[in-house]
Amino acid sequence: LTVKRLSQTEGRLQLLPANPAYKPIDITDMHELVIWGV
């Protein structure tokens, strides 16, 4: 589980942190992603 901002732009799915010390998480076919809620 993680809490992040959802980004869906130009066919790219990412989970974005809100702290510059962390990198965005690119969601690819290698990931199993389940959104639990907003």
PDB file of all heavy atoms in Angstrom:
ATOM      1  N   LEU A   1       0.822  -1.211   0.000  1.00  0.00           N
ATOM      2  CA  LEU A   1       0.000   0.000   0.000  1.00  0.00           C
ATOM      3  C   LEU A   1       0.854   1.258   0.000  1.00  0.00           C
ATOM      4  O   LEU A   1       1.904   1.315   0.647  1.00  0.00           O
ATOM      5  CB  LEU A   1      -0.904   0.030   1.232  1.00  0.00           C
ATOM      6  CG  LEU A   1      -2.108  -0.888   1.217  1.00  0.00           C
ATOM      7  CD1 LEU A   1      -2.893  -0.748   2.514  1.00  0.00           C
ATOM      8  CD2 LEU A   1      -3.014  -0.599   0.041  1.00  0.00           C
ATOM      9  N   THR A   2       0.344   2.255  -0.709  1.00  0.00           N
ATOM     10  CA  THR A   2       0.984   3.564  -0.729  1.00  0.00           C
ATOM     11  C   THR A   2      -0.081   4.621  -0.938  1.00  0.00           C
ATOM     12  O   THR A   2      -1.168   4.328  -1.427  1.00  0.00           O
ATOM     13  CB  THR A   2       2.073   3.654  -1.833  1.00  0.00           C
ATOM     14  OG1 THR A   2       2.791   4.879  -1.678  1.00  0.00           O
ATOM     15  CG2 THR A   2       1.464   3.578  -3.221  1.00  0.00           C
ATOM     16  N   VAL A   3       0.233   5.843  -0.553  1.00  0.00           N
ATOM     17  CA  VAL A   3      -0.639   6.988  -0.849  1.00  0.00           C
ATOM     18  C   VAL A   3       0.154   7.911  -1.773  1.00  0.00           C
ATOM     19  O   VAL A   3       1.279   8.305  -1.459  1.00  0.00           O
ATOM     20  CB  VAL A   3      -1.120   7.722   0.432  1.00  0.00           C
ATOM     21  CG1 VAL A   3       0.039   8.196   1.294  1.00  0.00           C
ATOM     22  CG2 VAL A   3      -2.036   8.880   0.073  1.00  0.00           C
ATOM     23  N   LYS A   4      -0.432   8.192  -2.941  1.00  0.00           N
ATOM     24  CA  LYS A   4       0.233   9.035  -3.940  1.00  0.00           C
ATOM     25  C   LYS A   4      -0.825   9.737  -4.777  1.00  0.00           C
ATOM     26  O   LYS A   4      -2.005   9.383  -4.776  1.00  0.00           O
ATOM     27  CB  LYS A   4       1.107   8.193  -4.894  1.00  0.00           C
ATOM     28  CG  LYS A   4       2.246   7.440  -4.229  1.00  0.00           C
ATOM     29  CD  LYS A   4       3.373   8.345  -3.819  1.00  0.00           C
ATOM     30  CE  LYS A   4       4.551   7.587  -3.264  1.00  0.00           C
ATOM     31  NZ  LYS A   4       4.416   7.187  -1.869  1.00  0.00           N
ATOM     32  N   ARG A   5      -0.372  10.731  -5.572  1.00  0.00           N
ATOM     33  CA  ARG A   5      -1.254  11.427  -6.511  1.00  0.00           C
ATOM     34  C   ARG A   5      -1.240  10.654  -7.830  1.00  0.00           C
ATOM     35  O   ARG A   5      -0.179  10.343  -8.364  1.00  0.00           O
ATOM     36  CB  ARG A   5      -0.798  12.865  -6.721  1.00  0.00           C
ATOM     37  CG  ARG A   5      -1.807  13.682  -7.522  1.00  0.00           C
ATOM     38  CD  ARG A   5      -1.437  15.153  -7.588  1.00  0.00           C
ATOM     39  NE  ARG A   5      -1.256  15.787  -6.305  1.00  0.00           N
ATOM     40  CZ  ARG A   5      -2.236  16.260  -5.521  1.00  0.00           C
ATOM     41  NH1 ARG A   5      -3.492  16.129  -5.896  1.00  0.00           N
ATOM     42  NH2 ARG A   5      -1.960  16.843  -4.373  1.00  0.00           N
ATOM     43  N   LEU A   6      -2.424  10.359  -8.359  1.00  0.00           N
ATOM     44  CA  LEU A   6      -2.561   9.611  -9.601  1.00  0.00           C
ATOM     45  C   LEU A   6      -2.333  10.537 -10.791  1.00  0.00           C
ATOM     46  O   LEU A   6      -2.898  11.627 -10.856  1.00  0.00           O
ATOM     47  CB  LEU A   6      -3.960   8.988  -9.682  1.00  0.00           C
ATOM     48  CG  LEU A   6      -4.262   8.111 -10.882  1.00  0.00           C
ATOM     49  CD1 LEU A   6      -3.371   6.874 -10.884  1.00  0.00           C
ATOM     50  CD2 LEU A   6      -5.737   7.706 -10.877  1.00  0.00           C
ATOM     51  N   SER A   7      -1.494  10.090 -11.729  1.00  0.00           N
ATOM     52  CA  SER A   7      -1.226  10.857 -12.939  1.00  0.00           C
ATOM     53  C   SER A   7      -1.475   9.960 -14.144  1.00  0.00           C
ATOM     54  O   SER A   7      -0.888   8.880 -14.250  1.00  0.00           O
ATOM     55  CB  SER A   7       0.219  11.353 -12.946  1.00  0.00           C
ATOM     56  OG  SER A   7       0.519  11.966 -14.188  1.00  0.00           O
ATOM     57  N   GLN A   8      -2.373  10.413 -15.019  1.00  0.00           N
ATOM     58  CA  GLN A   8      -2.673   9.698 -16.256  1.00  0.00           C
ATOM     59  C   GLN A   8      -2.548  10.694 -17.405  1.00  0.00           C
ATOM     60  O   GLN A   8      -3.482  11.440 -17.686  1.00  0.00           O
ATOM     61  CB  GLN A   8      -4.090   9.121 -16.215  1.00  0.00           C
ATOM     62  CG  GLN A   8      -4.289   8.076 -15.140  1.00  0.00           C
ATOM     63  CD  GLN A   8      -5.750   7.688 -14.984  1.00  0.00           C
ATOM     64  OE1 GLN A   8      -6.577   8.532 -14.689  1.00  0.00           O
ATOM     65  NE2 GLN A   8      -6.042   6.415 -15.167  1.00  0.00           N
ATOM     66  N   THR A   9      -1.377  10.725 -18.034  1.00  0.00           N
ATOM     67  CA  THR A   9      -1.155  11.668 -19.131  1.00  0.00           C
ATOM     68  C   THR A   9      -0.496  10.946 -20.305  1.00  0.00           C
ATOM     69  O   THR A   9       0.452  10.177 -20.115  1.00  0.00           O
ATOM     70  CB  THR A   9      -0.255  12.845 -18.703  1.00  0.00           C
ATOM     71  OG1 THR A   9       0.960  12.333 -18.151  1.00  0.00           O
ATOM     72  CG2 THR A   9      -0.931  13.721 -17.670  1.00  0.00           C
ATOM     73  N   GLU A  10      -1.010  11.211 -21.494  1.00  0.00           N
ATOM     74  CA  GLU A  10      -0.445  10.671 -22.744  1.00  0.00           C
ATOM     75  C   GLU A  10      -0.221   9.169 -22.675  1.00  0.00           C
ATOM     76  O   GLU A  10       0.826   8.663 -23.079  1.00  0.00           O
ATOM     77  CB  GLU A  10       0.847  11.410 -23.090  1.00  0.00           C
ATOM     78  CG  GLU A  10       0.643  12.908 -23.275  1.00  0.00           C
ATOM     79  CD  GLU A  10       1.951  13.656 -23.435  1.00  0.00           C
ATOM     80  OE1 GLU A  10       3.010  13.031 -23.580  1.00  0.00           O
ATOM     81  OE2 GLU A  10       1.897  14.895 -23.396  1.00  0.00           O
ATOM     82  N   GLY A  11      -1.195   8.456 -22.128  1.00  0.00           N
ATOM     83  CA  GLY A  11      -1.094   7.002 -22.051  1.00  0.00           C
ATOM     84  C   GLY A  11      -0.126   6.485 -21.004  1.00  0.00           C
ATOM     85  O   GLY A  11       0.135   5.297 -20.906  1.00  0.00           O
ATOM     86  N   ARG A  12       0.402   7.370 -20.209  1.00  0.00           N
ATOM     87  CA  ARG A  12       1.373   7.008 -19.161  1.00  0.00           C
ATOM     88  C   ARG A  12       0.695   7.078 -17.799  1.00  0.00           C
ATOM     89  O   ARG A  12       0.060   8.086 -17.476  1.00  0.00           O
ATOM     90  CB  ARG A  12       2.536   7.975 -19.220  1.00  0.00           C
ATOM     91  CG  ARG A  12       3.661   7.672 -18.294  1.00  0.00           C
ATOM     92  CD  ARG A  12       4.771   8.672 -18.533  1.00  0.00           C
ATOM     93  NE  ARG A  12       5.932   8.345 -17.733  1.00  0.00           N
ATOM     94  CZ  ARG A  12       6.986   9.121 -17.616  1.00  0.00           C
ATOM     95  NH1 ARG A  12       7.034  10.265 -18.266  1.00  0.00           N
ATOM     96  NH2 ARG A  12       8.003   8.760 -16.859  1.00  0.00           N
ATOM     97  N   LEU A  13       0.834   6.034 -17.016  1.00  0.00           N
ATOM     98  CA  LEU A  13       0.243   5.975 -15.682  1.00  0.00           C
ATOM     99  C   LEU A  13       1.361   6.053 -14.647  1.00  0.00           C
ATOM    100  O   LEU A  13       2.311   5.262 -14.681  1.00  0.00           O
ATOM    101  CB  LEU A  13      -0.551   4.673 -15.515  1.00  0.00           C
ATOM    102  CG  LEU A  13      -1.278   4.454 -14.207  1.00  0.00           C
ATOM    103  CD1 LEU A  13      -2.347   5.531 -13.989  1.00  0.00           C
ATOM    104  CD2 LEU A  13      -1.934   3.084 -14.189  1.00  0.00           C
ATOM    105  N   GLN A  14       1.215   7.032 -13.719  1.00  0.00           N
ATOM    106  CA  GLN A  14       2.220   7.220 -12.675  1.00  0.00           C
ATOM    107  C   GLN A  14       1.539   7.486 -11.342  1.00  0.00           C
ATOM    108  O   GLN A  14       0.413   8.003 -11.293  1.00  0.00           O
ATOM    109  CB  GLN A  14       3.127   8.419 -12.972  1.00  0.00           C
ATOM    110  CG  GLN A  14       4.062   8.251 -14.123  1.00  0.00           C
ATOM    111  CD  GLN A  14       4.935   9.493 -14.279  1.00  0.00           C
ATOM    112  OE1 GLN A  14       4.427  10.604 -14.434  1.00  0.00           O
ATOM    113  NE2 GLN A  14       6.247   9.298 -14.232  1.00  0.00           N
ATOM    114  N   LEU A  15       2.252   7.169 -10.285  1.00  0.00           N
ATOM    115  CA  LEU A  15       1.876   7.566  -8.935  1.00  0.00           C
ATOM    116  C   LEU A  15       2.945   8.558  -8.485  1.00  0.00           C
ATOM    117  O   LEU A  15       4.129   8.222  -8.413  1.00  0.00           O
ATOM    118  CB  LEU A  15       1.799   6.360  -8.010  1.00  0.00           C
ATOM    119  CG  LEU A  15       0.696   5.361  -8.351  1.00  0.00           C
ATOM    120  CD1 LEU A  15       0.778   4.139  -7.445  1.00  0.00           C
ATOM    121  CD2 LEU A  15      -0.677   5.995  -8.246  1.00  0.00           C
ATOM    122  N   LEU A  16       2.490   9.783  -8.207  1.00  0.00           N
ATOM    123  CA  LEU A  16       3.428  10.867  -7.924  1.00  0.00           C
ATOM    124  C   LEU A  16       3.508  11.178  -6.438  1.00  0.00           C
ATOM    125  O   LEU A  16       2.483  11.401  -5.788  1.00  0.00           O
ATOM    126  CB  LEU A  16       3.000  12.136  -8.674  1.00  0.00           C
ATOM    127  CG  LEU A  16       2.783  11.996 -10.181  1.00  0.00           C
ATOM    128  CD1 LEU A  16       2.269  13.316 -10.752  1.00  0.00           C
ATOM    129  CD2 LEU A  16       4.070  11.564 -10.867  1.00  0.00           C
ATOM    130  N   PRO A  17       4.717  11.255  -5.907  1.00  0.00           N
ATOM    131  CA  PRO A  17       4.875  11.706  -4.525  1.00  0.00           C
ATOM    132  C   PRO A  17       4.711  13.221  -4.464  1.00  0.00           C
ATOM    133  O   PRO A  17       4.748  13.905  -5.483  1.00  0.00           O
ATOM    134  CB  PRO A  17       6.309  11.287  -4.187  1.00  0.00           C
ATOM    135  CG  PRO A  17       7.021  11.326  -5.499  1.00  0.00           C
ATOM    136  CD  PRO A  17       5.999  10.934  -6.540  1.00  0.00           C
ATOM    137  N   ALA A  18       4.538  13.741  -3.267  1.00  0.00           N
ATOM    138  CA  ALA A  18       4.455  15.194  -3.067  1.00  0.00           C
ATOM    139  C   ALA A  18       5.602  15.613  -2.159  1.00  0.00           C
ATOM    140  O   ALA A  18       5.419  16.266  -1.144  1.00  0.00           O
ATOM    141  CB  ALA A  18       3.107  15.576  -2.481  1.00  0.00           C
ATOM    142  N   ASN A  19       6.780  15.171  -2.537  1.00  0.00           N
ATOM    143  CA  ASN A  19       8.003  15.488  -1.819  1.00  0.00           C
ATOM    144  C   ASN A  19       9.132  15.288  -2.829  1.00  0.00           C
ATOM    145  O   ASN A  19       9.277  14.193  -3.385  1.00  0.00           O
ATOM    146  CB  ASN A  19       8.170  14.550  -0.610  1.00  0.00           C
ATOM    147  CG  ASN A  19       9.413  14.833   0.199  1.00  0.00           C
ATOM    148  OD1 ASN A  19      10.401  15.371  -0.305  1.00  0.00           O
ATOM    149  ND2 ASN A  19       9.385  14.453   1.464  1.00  0.00           N
ATOM    150  N   PRO A  20       9.918  16.326  -3.099  1.00  0.00           N
ATOM    151  CA  PRO A  20      10.961  16.210  -4.125  1.00  0.00           C
ATOM    152  C   PRO A  20      12.037  15.170  -3.819  1.00  0.00           C
ATOM    153  O   PRO A  20      12.795  14.783  -4.712  1.00  0.00           O
ATOM    154  CB  PRO A  20      11.552  17.625  -4.198  1.00  0.00           C
ATOM    155  CG  PRO A  20      11.114  18.316  -2.965  1.00  0.00           C
ATOM    156  CD  PRO A  20       9.864  17.649  -2.497  1.00  0.00           C
ATOM    157  N   ALA A  21      12.093  14.676  -2.600  1.00  0.00           N
ATOM    158  CA  ALA A  21      13.081  13.657  -2.243  1.00  0.00           C
ATOM    159  C   ALA A  21      12.714  12.277  -2.804  1.00  0.00           C
ATOM    160  O   ALA A  21      13.531  11.362  -2.769  1.00  0.00           O
ATOM    161  CB  ALA A  21      13.229  13.582  -0.724  1.00  0.00           C
ATOM    162  N   TYR A  22      11.494  12.146  -3.341  1.00  0.00           N
ATOM    163  CA  TYR A  22      11.020  10.861  -3.861  1.00  0.00           C
ATOM    164  C   TYR A  22      10.766  10.954  -5.354  1.00  0.00           C
ATOM    165  O   TYR A  22      10.405  12.014  -5.864  1.00  0.00           O
ATOM    166  CB  TYR A  22       9.732  10.440  -3.151  1.00  0.00           C
ATOM    167  CG  TYR A  22       9.942  10.135  -1.689  1.00  0.00           C
ATOM    168  CD1 TYR A  22       9.908  11.147  -0.740  1.00  0.00           C
ATOM    169  CD2 TYR A  22      10.186   8.830  -1.260  1.00  0.00           C
ATOM    170  CE1 TYR A  22      10.106  10.877   0.604  1.00  0.00           C
ATOM    171  CE2 TYR A  22      10.386   8.551   0.084  1.00  0.00           C
ATOM    172  CZ  TYR A  22      10.352   9.585   1.007  1.00  0.00           C
ATOM    173  OH  TYR A  22      10.554   9.316   2.330  1.00  0.00           O
ATOM    174  N   LYS A  23      10.940   9.822  -6.032  1.00  0.00           N
ATOM    175  CA  LYS A  23      10.716   9.767  -7.471  1.00  0.00           C
ATOM    176  C   LYS A  23       9.311   9.235  -7.768  1.00  0.00           C
ATOM    177  O   LYS A  23       8.770   8.433  -7.005  1.00  0.00           O
ATOM    178  CB  LYS A  23      11.747   8.851  -8.122  1.00  0.00           C
ATOM    179  CG  LYS A  23      13.152   9.390  -8.036  1.00  0.00           C
ATOM    180  CD  LYS A  23      14.131   8.478  -8.725  1.00  0.00           C
ATOM    181  CE  LYS A  23      15.523   9.089  -8.627  1.00  0.00           C
ATOM    182  NZ  LYS A  23      16.526   8.254  -9.249  1.00  0.00           N
ATOM    183  N   PRO A  24       8.752   9.659  -8.905  1.00  0.00           N
ATOM    184  CA  PRO A  24       7.462   9.100  -9.329  1.00  0.00           C
ATOM    185  C   PRO A  24       7.590   7.599  -9.572  1.00  0.00           C
ATOM    186  O   PRO A  24       8.658   7.094  -9.905  1.00  0.00           O
ATOM    187  CB  PRO A  24       7.176   9.829 -10.643  1.00  0.00           C
ATOM    188  CG  PRO A  24       7.997  11.074 -10.599  1.00  0.00           C
ATOM    189  CD  PRO A  24       9.222  10.712  -9.813  1.00  0.00           C
ATOM    190  N   ILE A  25       6.467   6.913  -9.415  1.00  0.00           N
ATOM    191  CA  ILE A  25       6.423   5.479  -9.685  1.00  0.00           C
ATOM    192  C   ILE A  25       5.714   5.298 -11.020  1.00  0.00           C
ATOM    193  O   ILE A  25       4.532   5.615 -11.153  1.00  0.00           O
ATOM    194  CB  ILE A  25       5.668   4.732  -8.566  1.00  0.00           C
ATOM    195  CG1 ILE A  25       6.349   4.955  -7.220  1.00  0.00           C
ATOM    196  CG2 ILE A  25       5.563   3.247  -8.895  1.00  0.00           C
ATOM    197  CD1 ILE A  25       5.533   4.479  -6.033  1.00  0.00           C
ATOM    198  N   ASP A  26       6.468   4.819 -12.025  1.00  0.00           N
ATOM    199  CA  ASP A  26       5.878   4.521 -13.328  1.00  0.00           C
ATOM    200  C   ASP A  26       5.214   3.162 -13.252  1.00  0.00           C
ATOM    201  O   ASP A  26       5.865   2.162 -12.920  1.00  0.00           O
ATOM    202  CB  ASP A  26       6.964   4.513 -14.414  1.00  0.00           C
ATOM    203  CG  ASP A  26       7.527   5.894 -14.686  1.00  0.00           C
ATOM    204  OD1 ASP A  26       6.725   6.828 -14.859  1.00  0.00           O
ATOM    205  OD2 ASP A  26       8.769   6.030 -14.710  1.00  0.00           O
ATOM    206  N   ILE A  27       3.929   3.109 -13.590  1.00  0.00           N
ATOM    207  CA  ILE A  27       3.200   1.845 -13.571  1.00  0.00           C
ATOM    208  C   ILE A  27       3.293   1.229 -14.960  1.00  0.00           C
ATOM    209  O   ILE A  27       2.885   1.844 -15.951  1.00  0.00           O
ATOM    210  CB  ILE A  27       1.723   2.063 -13.157  1.00  0.00           C
ATOM    211  CG1 ILE A  27       1.642   2.763 -11.794  1.00  0.00           C
ATOM    212  CG2 ILE A  27       0.980   0.741 -13.140  1.00  0.00           C
ATOM    213  CD1 ILE A  27       2.296   2.023 -10.646  1.00  0.00           C
ATOM    214  N   THR A  28       3.842   0.024 -15.019  1.00  0.00           N
ATOM    215  CA  THR A  28       4.001  -0.696 -16.284  1.00  0.00           C
ATOM    216  C   THR A  28       3.280  -2.034 -16.184  1.00  0.00           C
ATOM    217  O   THR A  28       2.674  -2.360 -15.160  1.00  0.00           O
ATOM    218  CB  THR A  28       5.493  -0.935 -16.580  1.00  0.00           C
ATOM    219  OG1 THR A  28       6.016  -1.829 -15.591  1.00  0.00           O
ATOM    220  CG2 THR A  28       6.281   0.372 -16.566  1.00  0.00           C
ATOM    221  N   ASP A  29       3.403  -2.815 -17.243  1.00  0.00           N
ATOM    222  CA  ASP A  29       2.815  -4.162 -17.247  1.00  0.00           C
ATOM    223  C   ASP A  29       3.470  -5.057 -16.202  1.00  0.00           C
ATOM    224  O   ASP A  29       2.926  -6.098 -15.851  1.00  0.00           O
ATOM    225  CB  ASP A  29       2.959  -4.797 -18.631  1.00  0.00           C
ATOM    226  CG  ASP A  29       2.110  -4.087 -19.675  1.00  0.00           C
ATOM    227  OD1 ASP A  29       1.144  -3.398 -19.272  1.00  0.00           O
ATOM    228  OD2 ASP A  29       2.410  -4.212 -20.872  1.00  0.00           O
ATOM    229  N   MET A  30       4.622  -4.663 -15.711  1.00  0.00           N
ATOM    230  CA  MET A  30       5.339  -5.446 -14.701  1.00  0.00           C
ATOM    231  C   MET A  30       4.733  -5.260 -13.306  1.00  0.00           C
ATOM    232  O   MET A  30       5.078  -5.972 -12.382  1.00  0.00           O
ATOM    233  CB  MET A  30       6.819  -5.046 -14.665  1.00  0.00           C
ATOM    234  CG  MET A  30       7.535  -5.205 -15.984  1.00  0.00           C
ATOM    235  SD  MET A  30       7.696  -6.925 -16.466  1.00  0.00           S
ATOM    236  CE  MET A  30       8.843  -7.492 -15.239  1.00  0.00           C
ATOM    237  N   HIS A  31       3.850  -4.268 -13.151  1.00  0.00           N
ATOM    238  CA  HIS A  31       3.248  -3.960 -11.856  1.00  0.00           C
ATOM    239  C   HIS A  31       1.812  -4.450 -11.804  1.00  0.00           C
ATOM    240  O   HIS A  31       1.087  -4.361 -12.784  1.00  0.00           O
ATOM    241  CB  HIS A  31       3.245  -2.440 -11.601  1.00  0.00           C
ATOM    242  CG  HIS A  31       4.603  -1.849 -11.521  1.00  0.00           C
ATOM    243  ND1 HIS A  31       5.196  -1.233 -12.586  1.00  0.00           N
ATOM    244  CD2 HIS A  31       5.488  -1.780 -10.493  1.00  0.00           C
ATOM    245  CE1 HIS A  31       6.393  -0.800 -12.226  1.00  0.00           C
ATOM    246  NE2 HIS A  31       6.598  -1.123 -10.964  1.00  0.00           N
ATOM    247  N   GLU A  32       1.434  -4.899 -10.634  1.00  0.00           N
ATOM    248  CA  GLU A  32       0.019  -5.167 -10.359  1.00  0.00           C
ATOM    249  C   GLU A  32      -0.475  -3.986  -9.543  1.00  0.00           C
ATOM    250  O   GLU A  32      -0.030  -3.764  -8.411  1.00  0.00           O
ATOM    251  CB  GLU A  32      -0.151  -6.461  -9.566  1.00  0.00           C
ATOM    252  CG  GLU A  32      -1.598  -6.774  -9.273  1.00  0.00           C
ATOM    253  CD  GLU A  32      -1.760  -7.993  -8.384  1.00  0.00           C
ATOM    254  OE1 GLU A  32      -0.855  -8.844  -8.335  1.00  0.00           O
ATOM    255  OE2 GLU A  32      -2.808  -8.083  -7.716  1.00  0.00           O
ATOM    256  N   LEU A  33      -1.387  -3.202 -10.111  1.00  0.00           N
ATOM    257  CA  LEU A  33      -1.885  -1.997  -9.457  1.00  0.00           C
ATOM    258  C   LEU A  33      -3.365  -2.169  -9.135  1.00  0.00           C
ATOM    259  O   LEU A  33      -4.157  -2.504 -10.008  1.00  0.00           O
ATOM    260  CB  LEU A  33      -1.700  -0.773 -10.352  1.00  0.00           C
ATOM    261  CG  LEU A  33      -2.299   0.531  -9.824  1.00  0.00           C
ATOM    262  CD1 LEU A  33      -1.515   1.022  -8.612  1.00  0.00           C
ATOM    263  CD2 LEU A  33      -2.318   1.590 -10.914  1.00  0.00           C
ATOM    264  N   VAL A  34      -3.707  -1.922  -7.873  1.00  0.00           N
ATOM    265  CA  VAL A  34      -5.106  -1.912  -7.441  1.00  0.00           C
ATOM    266  C   VAL A  34      -5.326  -0.607  -6.688  1.00  0.00           C
ATOM    267  O   VAL A  34      -4.642  -0.339  -5.703  1.00  0.00           O
ATOM    268  CB  VAL A  34      -5.440  -3.112  -6.519  1.00  0.00           C
ATOM    269  CG1 VAL A  34      -6.886  -3.034  -6.053  1.00  0.00           C
ATOM    270  CG2 VAL A  34      -5.175  -4.426  -7.223  1.00  0.00           C
ATOM    271  N   ILE A  35      -6.263   0.210  -7.192  1.00  0.00           N
ATOM    272  CA  ILE A  35      -6.609   1.450  -6.494  1.00  0.00           C
ATOM    273  C   ILE A  35      -7.665   1.116  -5.456  1.00  0.00           C
ATOM    274  O   ILE A  35      -8.743   0.653  -5.792  1.00  0.00           O
ATOM    275  CB  ILE A  35      -7.148   2.523  -7.470  1.00  0.00           C
ATOM    276  CG1 ILE A  35      -6.134   2.814  -8.585  1.00  0.00           C
ATOM    277  CG2 ILE A  35      -7.532   3.791  -6.703  1.00  0.00           C
ATOM    278  CD1 ILE A  35      -4.880   3.506  -8.142  1.00  0.00           C
ATOM    279  N   TRP A  36      -7.357   1.352  -4.185  1.00  0.00           N
ATOM    280  CA  TRP A  36      -8.286   1.057  -3.093  1.00  0.00           C
ATOM    281  C   TRP A  36      -9.331   2.150  -2.926  1.00  0.00           C
ATOM    282  O   TRP A  36     -10.421   1.892  -2.482  1.00  0.00           O
ATOM    283  CB  TRP A  36      -7.516   0.870  -1.802  1.00  0.00           C
ATOM    284  CG  TRP A  36      -6.895  -0.476  -1.648  1.00  0.00           C
ATOM    285  CD1 TRP A  36      -6.462  -1.308  -2.642  1.00  0.00           C
ATOM    286  CD2 TRP A  36      -6.646  -1.158  -0.425  1.00  0.00           C
ATOM    287  NE1 TRP A  36      -5.947  -2.448  -2.104  1.00  0.00           N
ATOM    288  CE2 TRP A  36      -6.043  -2.387  -0.744  1.00  0.00           C
ATOM    289  CE3 TRP A  36      -6.850  -0.835   0.903  1.00  0.00           C
ATOM    290  CZ2 TRP A  36      -5.661  -3.306   0.220  1.00  0.00           C
ATOM    291  CZ3 TRP A  36      -6.470  -1.737   1.868  1.00  0.00           C
ATOM    292  CH2 TRP A  36      -5.887  -2.968   1.525  1.00  0.00           C
ATOM    293  N   GLY A  37      -8.964   3.389  -3.235  1.00  0.00           N
ATOM    294  CA  GLY A  37      -9.914   4.481  -3.073  1.00  0.00           C
ATOM    295  C   GLY A  37      -9.241   5.829  -3.183  1.00  0.00           C
ATOM    296  O   GLY A  37      -8.013   5.930  -3.307  1.00  0.00           O
ATOM    297  N   VAL A  38     -10.076   6.871  -3.145  1.00  0.00           N
ATOM    298  CA  VAL A  38      -9.619   8.253  -3.256  1.00  0.00           C
ATOM    299  C   VAL A  38      -9.634   8.891  -1.869  1.00  0.00           C
ATOM    300  O   VAL A  38     -10.622   8.772  -1.128  1.00  0.00           O
ATOM    301  CB  VAL A  38     -10.542   9.043  -4.220  1.00  0.00           C
ATOM    302  CG1 VAL A  38     -10.157  10.513  -4.250  1.00  0.00           C
ATOM    303  CG2 VAL A  38     -10.501   8.433  -5.615  1.00  0.00           C
TER     304      VAL A  38
END
